[in-house]
PDB file of N, CA and C in Angstrom:
ATOM      1  N   ALA A   1      87.758 116.090  94.931  1.00  0.00           N
ATOM      2  CA  ALA A   1      88.720 116.271  96.011  1.00  0.00           C
ATOM      3  C   ALA A   1      88.872 117.770  96.267  1.00  0.00           C
ATOM      4  N   THR A   2      89.103 118.121  97.515  1.00  0.00           N
ATOM      5  CA  THR A   2      89.277 119.511  97.908  1.00  0.00           C
ATOM      6  C   THR A   2      90.469 119.628  98.841  1.00  0.00           C
ATOM      7  N   LEU A   3      91.347 120.569  98.559  1.00  0.00           N
ATOM      8  CA  LEU A   3      92.466 120.869  99.449  1.00  0.00           C
ATOM      9  C   LEU A   3      91.967 121.892 100.458  1.00  0.00           C
ATOM     10  N   ILE A   4      92.086 121.568 101.730  1.00  0.00           N
ATOM     11  CA  ILE A   4      91.618 122.493 102.758  1.00  0.00           C
ATOM     12  C   ILE A   4      92.737 122.837 103.726  1.00  0.00           C
ATOM     13  N   GLY A   5      92.576 123.941 104.381  1.00  0.00           N
ATOM     14  CA  GLY A   5      93.434 124.328 105.484  1.00  0.00           C
ATOM     15  C   GLY A   5      92.547 124.490 106.700  1.00  0.00           C
ATOM     16  N   CYS A   6      92.994 124.054 107.828  1.00  0.00           N
ATOM     17  CA  CYS A   6      92.181 124.206 109.029  1.00  0.00           C
ATOM     18  C   CYS A   6      93.080 124.481 110.228  1.00  0.00           C
ATOM     19  N   LYS A   7      92.489 125.074 111.228  1.00  0.00           N
ATOM     20  CA  LYS A   7      93.184 125.381 112.465  1.00  0.00           C
ATOM     21  C   LYS A   7      92.507 124.602 113.579  1.00  0.00           C
ATOM     22  N   LEU A   8      93.279 123.843 114.316  1.00  0.00           N
ATOM     23  CA  LEU A   8      92.723 123.029 115.385  1.00  0.00           C
ATOM     24  C   LEU A   8      92.380 123.876 116.600  1.00  0.00           C
ATOM     25  N   GLU A   9      91.283 123.562 117.207  1.00  0.00           N
ATOM     26  CA  GLU A   9      90.864 124.233 118.438  1.00  0.00           C
ATOM     27  C   GLU A   9      91.364 123.472 119.659  1.00  0.00           C
ATOM     28  N   THR A  10      91.558 122.184 119.520  1.00  0.00           N
ATOM     29  CA  THR A  10      92.053 121.349 120.612  1.00  0.00           C
ATOM     30  C   THR A  10      93.151 120.454 120.061  1.00  0.00           C
ATOM     31  N   GLY A  11      93.826 119.768 120.908  1.00  0.00           N
ATOM     32  CA  GLY A  11      94.850 118.827 120.475  1.00  0.00           C
ATOM     33  C   GLY A  11      94.339 117.398 120.470  1.00  0.00           C
ATOM     34  N   ARG A  12      93.049 117.217 120.276  1.00  0.00           N
ATOM     35  CA  ARG A  12      92.470 115.882 120.350  1.00  0.00           C
ATOM     36  C   ARG A  12      92.980 115.006 119.210  1.00  0.00           C
ATOM     37  N   THR A  13      93.359 113.801 119.530  1.00  0.00           N
ATOM     38  CA  THR A  13      93.890 112.857 118.557  1.00  0.00           C
ATOM     39  C   THR A  13      92.861 112.572 117.467  1.00  0.00           C
ATOM     40  N   HIS A  14      93.303 112.619 116.226  1.00  0.00           N
ATOM     41  CA  HIS A  14      92.500 112.272 115.049  1.00  0.00           C
ATOM     42  C   HIS A  14      91.347 113.246 114.802  1.00  0.00           C
ATOM     43  N   GLN A  15      91.375 114.417 115.414  1.00  0.00           N
ATOM     44  CA  GLN A  15      90.288 115.399 115.302  1.00  0.00           C
ATOM     45  C   GLN A  15      89.920 115.694 113.851  1.00  0.00           C
ATOM     46  N   ILE A  16      90.891 116.012 113.023  1.00  0.00           N
ATOM     47  CA  ILE A  16      90.618 116.351 111.623  1.00  0.00           C
ATOM     48  C   ILE A  16      90.050 115.147 110.889  1.00  0.00           C
ATOM     49  N   ARG A  17      90.674 114.008 111.059  1.00  0.00           N
ATOM     50  CA  ARG A  17      90.240 112.783 110.364  1.00  0.00           C
ATOM     51  C   ARG A  17      88.797 112.432 110.689  1.00  0.00           C
ATOM     52  N   ILE A  18      88.462 112.450 111.949  1.00  0.00           N
ATOM     53  CA  ILE A  18      87.116 112.056 112.370  1.00  0.00           C
ATOM     54  C   ILE A  18      86.073 113.061 111.883  1.00  0.00           C
ATOM     55  N   HIS A  19      86.313 114.343 112.093  1.00  0.00           N
ATOM     56  CA  HIS A  19      85.324 115.356 111.708  1.00  0.00           C
ATOM     57  C   HIS A  19      85.072 115.351 110.200  1.00  0.00           C
ATOM     58  N   LEU A  20      86.117 115.259 109.410  1.00  0.00           N
ATOM     59  CA  LEU A  20      85.922 115.245 107.958  1.00  0.00           C
ATOM     60  C   LEU A  20      85.219 113.969 107.500  1.00  0.00           C
ATOM     61  N   ALA A  21      85.640 112.833 108.016  1.00  0.00           N
ATOM     62  CA  ALA A  21      85.014 111.574 107.614  1.00  0.00           C
ATOM     63  C   ALA A  21      83.542 111.540 108.020  1.00  0.00           C
ATOM     64  N   GLU A  22      83.236 111.984 109.230  1.00  0.00           N
ATOM     65  CA  GLU A  22      81.852 111.969 109.700  1.00  0.00           C
ATOM     66  C   GLU A  22      80.964 112.914 108.893  1.00  0.00           C
ATOM     67  N   SER A  23      81.557 113.951 108.293  1.00  0.00           N
ATOM     68  CA  SER A  23      80.769 114.864 107.467  1.00  0.00           C
ATOM     69  C   SER A  23      80.713 114.405 106.010  1.00  0.00           C
ATOM     70  N   GLY A  24      81.259 113.210 105.731  1.00  0.00           N
ATOM     71  CA  GLY A  24      81.191 112.655 104.381  1.00  0.00           C
ATOM     72  C   GLY A  24      82.347 113.024 103.482  1.00  0.00           C
ATOM     73  N   HIS A  25      83.440 113.511 104.064  1.00  0.00           N
ATOM     74  CA  HIS A  25      84.595 113.951 103.279  1.00  0.00           C
ATOM     75  C   HIS A  25      85.892 113.384 103.859  1.00  0.00           C
ATOM     76  N   PRO A  26      86.094 112.074 103.750  1.00  0.00           N
ATOM     77  CA  PRO A  26      87.322 111.497 104.318  1.00  0.00           C
ATOM     78  C   PRO A  26      88.566 111.994 103.582  1.00  0.00           C
ATOM     79  N   LEU A  27      89.672 111.982 104.285  1.00  0.00           N
ATOM     80  CA  LEU A  27      90.947 112.382 103.687  1.00  0.00           C
ATOM     81  C   LEU A  27      91.384 111.368 102.637  1.00  0.00           C
ATOM     82  N   ALA A  28      92.144 111.837 101.654  1.00  0.00           N
ATOM     83  CA  ALA A  28      92.748 110.909 100.702  1.00  0.00           C
ATOM     84  C   ALA A  28      93.670 109.974 101.476  1.00  0.00           C
ATOM     85  N   GLY A  29      93.580 108.693 101.191  1.00  0.00           N
ATOM     86  CA  GLY A  29      94.397 107.707 101.885  1.00  0.00           C
ATOM     87  C   GLY A  29      93.788 107.204 103.190  1.00  0.00           C
ATOM     88  N   GLU A  30      92.621 107.724 103.569  1.00  0.00           N
ATOM     89  CA  GLU A  30      91.975 107.295 104.824  1.00  0.00           C
ATOM     90  C   GLU A  30      91.487 105.857 104.697  1.00  0.00           C
ATOM     91  N   ASN A  31      91.762 105.042 105.692  1.00  0.00           N
ATOM     92  CA  ASN A  31      91.251 103.667 105.675  1.00  0.00           C
ATOM     93  C   ASN A  31      90.711 103.230 107.033  1.00  0.00           C
ATOM     94  N   VAL A  32      90.648 104.147 107.994  1.00  0.00           N
ATOM     95  CA  VAL A  32      90.126 103.810 109.316  1.00  0.00           C
ATOM     96  C   VAL A  32      88.749 104.434 109.529  1.00  0.00           C
ATOM     97  N   TYR A  33      88.643 105.744 109.340  1.00  0.00           N
ATOM     98  CA  TYR A  33      87.405 106.465 109.639  1.00  0.00           C
ATOM     99  C   TYR A  33      86.526 106.585 108.396  1.00  0.00           C
ATOM    100  N   ILE A  34      86.115 105.459 107.848  1.00  0.00           N
ATOM    101  CA  ILE A  34      85.271 105.450 106.649  1.00  0.00           C
ATOM    102  C   ILE A  34      84.107 104.482 106.797  1.00  0.00           C
ATOM    103  N   ARG A  35      83.663 104.244 108.023  1.00  0.00           N
ATOM    104  CA  ARG A  35      82.620 103.245 108.291  1.00  0.00           C
ATOM    105  C   ARG A  35      81.436 103.323 107.358  1.00  0.00           C
ATOM    106  N   ASP A  36      80.773 104.470 107.312  1.00  0.00           N
ATOM    107  CA  ASP A  36      79.534 104.601 106.545  1.00  0.00           C
ATOM    108  C   ASP A  36      79.721 105.326 105.224  1.00  0.00           C
ATOM    109  N   TYR A  37      80.942 105.619 104.850  1.00  0.00           N
ATOM    110  CA  TYR A  37      81.195 106.353 103.611  1.00  0.00           C
ATOM    111  C   TYR A  37      81.004 105.425 102.419  1.00  0.00           C
ATOM    112  N   ARG A  38      80.204 105.853 101.448  1.00  0.00           N
ATOM    113  CA  ARG A  38      79.909 105.011 100.281  1.00  0.00           C
ATOM    114  C   ARG A  38      80.452 105.587  98.979  1.00  0.00           C
ATOM    115  N   GLY A  39      81.100 106.740  99.051  1.00  0.00           N
ATOM    116  CA  GLY A  39      81.625 107.368  97.839  1.00  0.00           C
ATOM    117  C   GLY A  39      82.959 106.758  97.428  1.00  0.00           C
ATOM    118  N   PRO A  40      83.540 107.266  96.353  1.00  0.00           N
ATOM    119  CA  PRO A  40      84.837 106.744  95.899  1.00  0.00           C
ATOM    120  C   PRO A  40      85.950 107.145  96.868  1.00  0.00           C
ATOM    121  N   LEU A  41      86.838 106.224  97.126  1.00  0.00           N
ATOM    122  CA  LEU A  41      88.002 106.524  97.972  1.00  0.00           C
ATOM    123  C   LEU A  41      89.132 107.012  97.080  1.00  0.00           C
ATOM    124  N   LEU A  42      89.877 107.988  97.556  1.00  0.00           N
ATOM    125  CA  LEU A  42      91.000 108.537  96.791  1.00  0.00           C
ATOM    126  C   LEU A  42      92.276 107.823  97.219  1.00  0.00           C
ATOM    127  N   ALA A  43      92.857 107.106  96.286  1.00  0.00           N
ATOM    128  CA  ALA A  43      94.071 106.346  96.579  1.00  0.00           C
ATOM    129  C   ALA A  43      95.231 107.286  96.868  1.00  0.00           C
ATOM    130  N   ALA A  44      96.025 106.912  97.838  1.00  0.00           N
ATOM    131  CA  ALA A  44      97.215 107.683  98.211  1.00  0.00           C
ATOM    132  C   ALA A  44      98.171 106.732  98.921  1.00  0.00           C
ATOM    133  N   PRO A  45      99.470 107.005  98.854  1.00  0.00           N
ATOM    134  CA  PRO A  45     100.438 106.114  99.489  1.00  0.00           C
ATOM    135  C   PRO A  45     100.374 106.125 101.014  1.00  0.00           C
ATOM    136  N   ARG A  46      99.718 107.135 101.559  1.00  0.00           N
ATOM    137  CA  ARG A  46      99.545 107.269 103.011  1.00  0.00           C
ATOM    138  C   ARG A  46      98.410 108.248 103.235  1.00  0.00           C
ATOM    139  N   LEU A  47      98.069 108.494 104.464  1.00  0.00           N
ATOM    140  CA  LEU A  47      97.059 109.479 104.804  1.00  0.00           C
ATOM    141  C   LEU A  47      97.564 110.861 104.392  1.00  0.00           C
ATOM    142  N   MET A  48      96.814 111.573 103.588  1.00  0.00           N
ATOM    143  CA  MET A  48      97.249 112.870 103.084  1.00  0.00           C
ATOM    144  C   MET A  48      96.854 113.987 104.054  1.00  0.00           C
ATOM    145  N   LEU A  49      97.596 114.032 105.137  1.00  0.00           N
ATOM    146  CA  LEU A  49      97.413 115.024 106.185  1.00  0.00           C
ATOM    147  C   LEU A  49      98.797 115.584 106.486  1.00  0.00           C
ATOM    148  N   HIS A  50      98.913 116.910 106.461  1.00  0.00           N
ATOM    149  CA  HIS A  50     100.217 117.534 106.664  1.00  0.00           C
ATOM    150  C   HIS A  50     100.093 118.752 107.565  1.00  0.00           C
ATOM    151  N   ALA A  51     100.930 118.835 108.576  1.00  0.00           N
ATOM    152  CA  ALA A  51     100.962 120.005 109.465  1.00  0.00           C
ATOM    153  C   ALA A  51     101.938 121.013 108.876  1.00  0.00           C
ATOM    154  N   ALA A  52     101.412 121.965 108.114  1.00  0.00           N
ATOM    155  CA  ALA A  52     102.250 122.981 107.484  1.00  0.00           C
ATOM    156  C   ALA A  52     102.811 123.952 108.510  1.00  0.00           C
ATOM    157  N   GLU A  53     102.064 124.161 109.589  1.00  0.00           N
ATOM    158  CA  GLU A  53     102.487 125.082 110.642  1.00  0.00           C
ATOM    159  C   GLU A  53     102.150 124.455 111.993  1.00  0.00           C
ATOM    160  N   LEU A  54     103.093 124.533 112.894  1.00  0.00           N
ATOM    161  CA  LEU A  54     102.895 124.003 114.236  1.00  0.00           C
ATOM    162  C   LEU A  54     103.396 125.042 115.220  1.00  0.00           C
ATOM    163  N   GLY A  55     102.591 125.349 116.212  1.00  0.00           N
ATOM    164  CA  GLY A  55     103.006 126.336 117.199  1.00  0.00           C
ATOM    165  C   GLY A  55     102.536 125.961 118.590  1.00  0.00           C
ATOM    166  N   PHE A  56     103.302 126.368 119.564  1.00  0.00           N
ATOM    167  CA  PHE A  56     102.956 126.118 120.962  1.00  0.00           C
ATOM    168  C   PHE A  56     103.841 126.982 121.844  1.00  0.00           C
ATOM    169  N   LEU A  57     103.504 127.064 123.107  1.00  0.00           N
ATOM    170  CA  LEU A  57     104.348 127.768 124.069  1.00  0.00           C
ATOM    171  C   LEU A  57     105.334 126.767 124.660  1.00  0.00           C
ATOM    172  N   HIS A  58     106.597 127.149 124.695  1.00  0.00           N
ATOM    173  CA  HIS A  58     107.628 126.258 125.232  1.00  0.00           C
ATOM    174  C   HIS A  58     107.290 125.929 126.683  1.00  0.00           C
ATOM    175  N   PRO A  59     107.349 124.653 127.057  1.00  0.00           N
ATOM    176  CA  PRO A  59     106.913 124.270 128.408  1.00  0.00           C
ATOM    177  C   PRO A  59     107.764 124.825 129.551  1.00  0.00           C
ATOM    178  N   SER A  60     109.017 125.153 129.297  1.00  0.00           N
ATOM    179  CA  SER A  60     109.846 125.625 130.414  1.00  0.00           C
ATOM    180  C   SER A  60     109.821 127.134 130.614  1.00  0.00           C
ATOM    181  N   ASP A  61     109.576 127.915 129.538  1.00  0.00           N
ATOM    182  CA  ASP A  61     109.622 129.371 129.718  1.00  0.00           C
ATOM    183  C   ASP A  61     108.512 130.127 128.977  1.00  0.00           C
ATOM    184  N   ASP A  62     107.536 129.412 128.463  1.00  0.00           N
ATOM    185  CA  ASP A  62     106.386 130.009 127.758  1.00  0.00           C
ATOM    186  C   ASP A  62     106.763 130.817 126.513  1.00  0.00           C
ATOM    187  N   ARG A  63     107.958 130.595 126.001  1.00  0.00           N
ATOM    188  CA  ARG A  63     108.355 131.241 124.750  1.00  0.00           C
ATOM    189  C   ARG A  63     107.502 130.703 123.599  1.00  0.00           C
ATOM    190  N   PRO A  64     106.964 131.572 122.725  1.00  0.00           N
ATOM    191  CA  PRO A  64     106.208 131.063 121.580  1.00  0.00           C
ATOM    192  C   PRO A  64     107.143 130.333 120.615  1.00  0.00           C
ATOM    193  N   MET A  65     106.762 129.156 120.221  1.00  0.00           N
ATOM    194  CA  MET A  65     107.532 128.351 119.278  1.00  0.00           C
ATOM    195  C   MET A  65     106.676 128.185 118.023  1.00  0.00           C
ATOM    196  N   ARG A  66     107.294 128.297 116.851  1.00  0.00           N
ATOM    197  CA  ARG A  66     106.551 128.127 115.604  1.00  0.00           C
ATOM    198  C   ARG A  66     107.448 127.435 114.597  1.00  0.00           C
ATOM    199  N   PHE A  67     106.880 126.465 113.916  1.00  0.00           N
ATOM    200  CA  PHE A  67     107.594 125.700 112.899  1.00  0.00           C
ATOM    201  C   PHE A  67     106.732 125.640 111.649  1.00  0.00           C
ATOM    202  N   ASP A  68     107.336 125.924 110.500  1.00  0.00           N
ATOM    203  CA  ASP A  68     106.658 125.861 109.211  1.00  0.00           C
ATOM    204  C   ASP A  68     107.370 124.829 108.349  1.00  0.00           C
ATOM    205  N   GLU A  69     106.601 124.033 107.649  1.00  0.00           N
ATOM    206  CA  GLU A  69     107.183 122.985 106.811  1.00  0.00           C
ATOM    207  C   GLU A  69     106.328 122.823 105.556  1.00  0.00           C
ATOM    208  N   PRO A  70     106.943 122.880 104.369  1.00  0.00           N
ATOM    209  CA  PRO A  70     106.162 122.668 103.144  1.00  0.00           C
ATOM    210  C   PRO A  70     105.737 121.203 103.035  1.00  0.00           C
ATOM    211  N   PRO A  71     104.716 120.935 102.247  1.00  0.00           N
ATOM    212  CA  PRO A  71     104.274 119.547 102.085  1.00  0.00           C
ATOM    213  C   PRO A  71     105.399 118.685 101.503  1.00  0.00           C
ATOM    214  N   PRO A  72     105.483 117.426 101.943  1.00  0.00           N
ATOM    215  CA  PRO A  72     106.502 116.532 101.405  1.00  0.00           C
ATOM    216  C   PRO A  72     106.187 116.136  99.964  1.00  0.00           C
ATOM    217  N   GLU A  73     107.165 115.553  99.309  1.00  0.00           N
ATOM    218  CA  GLU A  73     107.062 115.206  97.890  1.00  0.00           C
ATOM    219  C   GLU A  73     105.881 114.284  97.594  1.00  0.00           C
ATOM    220  N   ASP A  74     105.644 113.268  98.423  1.00  0.00           N
ATOM    221  CA  ASP A  74     104.535 112.347  98.146  1.00  0.00           C
ATOM    222  C   ASP A  74     103.188 113.066  98.225  1.00  0.00           C
ATOM    223  N   PHE A  75     103.058 114.011  99.120  1.00  0.00           N
ATOM    224  CA  PHE A  75     101.844 114.813  99.253  1.00  0.00           C
ATOM    225  C   PHE A  75     101.643 115.653  97.989  1.00  0.00           C
ATOM    226  N   GLU A  76     102.711 116.298  97.522  1.00  0.00           N
ATOM    227  CA  GLU A  76     102.649 117.122  96.309  1.00  0.00           C
ATOM    228  C   GLU A  76     102.284 116.290  95.083  1.00  0.00           C
ATOM    229  N   ARG A  77     102.785 115.061  95.003  1.00  0.00           N
ATOM    230  CA  ARG A  77     102.454 114.193  93.861  1.00  0.00           C
ATOM    231  C   ARG A  77     100.966 113.853  93.848  1.00  0.00           C
ATOM    232  N   VAL A  78     100.398 113.549  95.008  1.00  0.00           N
ATOM    233  CA  VAL A  78      98.962 113.258  95.083  1.00  0.00           C
ATOM    234  C   VAL A  78      98.165 114.505  94.697  1.00  0.00           C
ATOM    235  N   LEU A  79      98.560 115.678  95.184  1.00  0.00           N
ATOM    236  CA  LEU A  79      97.883 116.922  94.819  1.00  0.00           C
ATOM    237  C   LEU A  79      97.913 117.124  93.304  1.00  0.00           C
ATOM    238  N   ALA A  80      99.063 116.933  92.710  1.00  0.00           N
ATOM    239  CA  ALA A  80      99.200 117.130  91.266  1.00  0.00           C
ATOM    240  C   ALA A  80      98.289 116.176  90.498  1.00  0.00           C
ATOM    241  N   ARG A  81      98.194 114.954  90.957  1.00  0.00           N
ATOM    242  CA  ARG A  81      97.338 113.965  90.284  1.00  0.00           C
ATOM    243  C   ARG A  81      95.860 114.331  90.402  1.00  0.00           C
ATOM    244  N   LEU A  82      95.453 114.913  91.515  1.00  0.00           N
ATOM    245  CA  LEU A  82      94.057 115.227  91.754  1.00  0.00           C
ATOM    246  C   LEU A  82      93.619 116.578  91.159  1.00  0.00           C
ATOM    247  N   ARG A  83      94.565 117.438  90.867  1.00  0.00           N
ATOM    248  CA  ARG A  83      94.213 118.760  90.347  1.00  0.00           C
ATOM    249  C   ARG A  83      93.646 118.648  88.941  1.00  0.00           C
ATOM    250  N   LEU A  84      92.628 119.436  88.697  1.00  0.00           N
ATOM    251  CA  LEU A  84      92.043 119.486  87.357  1.00  0.00           C
ATOM    252  C   LEU A  84      92.930 120.339  86.459  1.00  0.00           C
ATOM    253  N   PRO A  85      93.060 119.965  85.191  1.00  0.00           N
ATOM    254  CA  PRO A  85      93.843 120.822  84.291  1.00  0.00           C
ATOM    255  C   PRO A  85      93.160 122.178  84.130  1.00  0.00           C
ATOM    256  N   THR A  86      93.969 123.215  84.024  1.00  0.00           N
ATOM    257  CA  THR A  86      93.391 124.574  83.884  1.00  0.00           C
ATOM    258  C   THR A  86      93.482 125.052  82.460  1.00  0.00           C
TER     259      THR A  86
END
């Protein structure tokens, strides 16, 4: 398992899920975009995808808006389970 950070180029629905799954690296908890994947699936209570940072221009006045949010508890628990001991 690998924890990655990525920046979206478009707002296309499911962009991260599809691109990672098609390259042979589905997200933990993925159960839709795994058609041809034959490797082990990583169990998770939900899809392990989290928007740590979200930004856009406000639609009424073009003010830059930015929101930061740490990963939720269930996400952190899955990370802890998958991390190798150091």
